[in-house]
Amino acid sequence: MQEQDDIPPLASTGVGGLDDVLGGGLTAERLYLVEGTPGTGKTTLGLGFLRAGAAGGEPCLYVTLSETEAELRAVAVTHGWTLDGIDLFEMVPEIGLGQEQEQTLLHPSEVELGETVRGVMAKVEETRPRRVVLDSLSELRLLAQSPLRYRRQILALKHFFSTRRCTVLVLDDRTSEPGDLQLHSIAHGVISLEQSVTGFGAERRRLQIVKMRGMKYRGGFHDFAILRGGLCVHPRLSASEPPKEFEAEPRSTGNSALDRLLGGGLVPGTATLLTGPAGVGKTTTVVQCMTEALRRGEPAAYFLFDERAPTLLGRSAALGMDLRPFLDGGRLDLRRIDPAELSPGEFSGLVRQAVEERGARVVVVDSLNAYLQSMPDEQYLVLQMHELLGYLAQHGVVSLLVLGQHGVMGDIRADVDLSYLADTVMQLRFFEAEGEVRQAISVIKTRTTDHERTIREFRIGAGGLIVGEPLRDFQGVLTGVPVYRGSERALLEPPADAAS
């Protein structure tokens, strides 16, 4: 019990997503390394860390060896921050650039290094901070000139800070030799920030907890963005989290024939994949299912990749499924997603926000083809979708995924096969009968109900989805070109306006 009392409390990093990754924050009174190339957000993270401490009444100190105080305050202004409660200590003040001070450049490097370290220690003794950010270690590395002297000085600083009960972030811009892991062995924890630019679109940023002694954290890479207000970290979703309790009774799609085809309806905690060529009615089908859930009072989130939101809203209203009242009432969260601007981690963060903060019970991704474009490789899409669908299943969410396929008739293929990840797969196809191109729907897989093995014709009309009786007399279904050879009476009657 005494040992537990001696463990320092956790200190918030000032970034909610990063605290989530760390399991609550950083162990206080330890030294941590934050590394990353210029532009990855080290300074923003450091200032946010100190602001969180200042908000809790802790004395805070920012020691800058590379940036000026004016530059730091300018960074704060861009985020709408004030630095009240934070001491800014500039190791090379403007008065140090006078003619007298210029002669210090002739001093041996060890003298300059010693003076710099002593200056930091003196400022800490003066202000007695509980949180310190040292920016950056590259300056100390240049002054040390040798790895041995550099390591000894960092160890001396670490020991000094530990005796003053300081929680310290030291920033490093990775100017050391590749493979130099001296700081990793000295620091209590290491947070690595990365930035990359894809062939098209905005730059992508991600972070990784390289090590964190004595703490259980969420491993892997976590996407983040630098927004006004600081870093926004999107923790990687994990399907290993404990599931929530929910009722697994099938929910109606709003169409009795479609319910029978599915074996009762859509089951909470399952993912349904709708596949088919362009124009066959995939989006209309998911809107039908979602609208029925909204009418039952279940919130929904629709992530639209392919078309503009006004187009979707106008077409749905024309089919008798007006989504605007649900949008205005806050029950529907409709988001237009640009895959060139949004990283996969950010998208997962939006889904998580919709489920946990807005209580979404239905999540639609339309379509996976565009979502695939945000991934550097197909294998990452499969892994990402596995974690995302696992997370949604644990929260009892009905997931509806649209996957467009190339071609209209014949050999129809998709960019990626995700059918094995889905609990239910609905296949929508065109077929030929009596000289007309018609539409058919079938359920080829479901893990939760005893579904129909039949093929039903369907039509999109003014009332939404119209699904007919099972059609038995098909030929060439497995070839991808189903041709109906049965009686014309079994087919759906044409709409009244078409007959006239």
Foldseek 3Di string as FASTA:
>chain_A
DVVVVPFADFQALLAVQVCQQQVHHAGFLFEEEEEAAPPLAPLLSQLSSQVSCVVVVFQAEEEAADDDPVVSVVVQVQLVHDSPRYHYHYLCDPVCPDPVNVCCVVPQLVVVLVVSLVVVLVVCVVRLTQEYEYHELVVSCVSQVDPVSSLVSVLVVRVSSSVSRHYYYHYYNPPDDPPDCSVVVRGQWYKYKYWADDPFFDIWIWIATPDHPPTDGNGDIWTWDQDNNGIHTQDQFALPDAFDDDDFAADALQAVVVCQQVFHHFTFLFEEEEEAAPPLQQVLSVLSSVLSCVVVVAAEEEEAEPDDPVVVQVVCVQLVRHCVVCVVVLRYHYHYDHLRHDALSNVLSVVVCCCPVVVHQEYEYHAVQRVCVNDPDPVVSLVSVLSSSSVSSSHRHYYYYYFHWPDQAFDTGGPDDPPVSGQWYKYKHWADDPRDIFIKIHIPHHNPHDGDRFIWTWDRDSNGIGTFDGQDQWPPVVRRHIYHDDDPVRHDDDDPVVVD
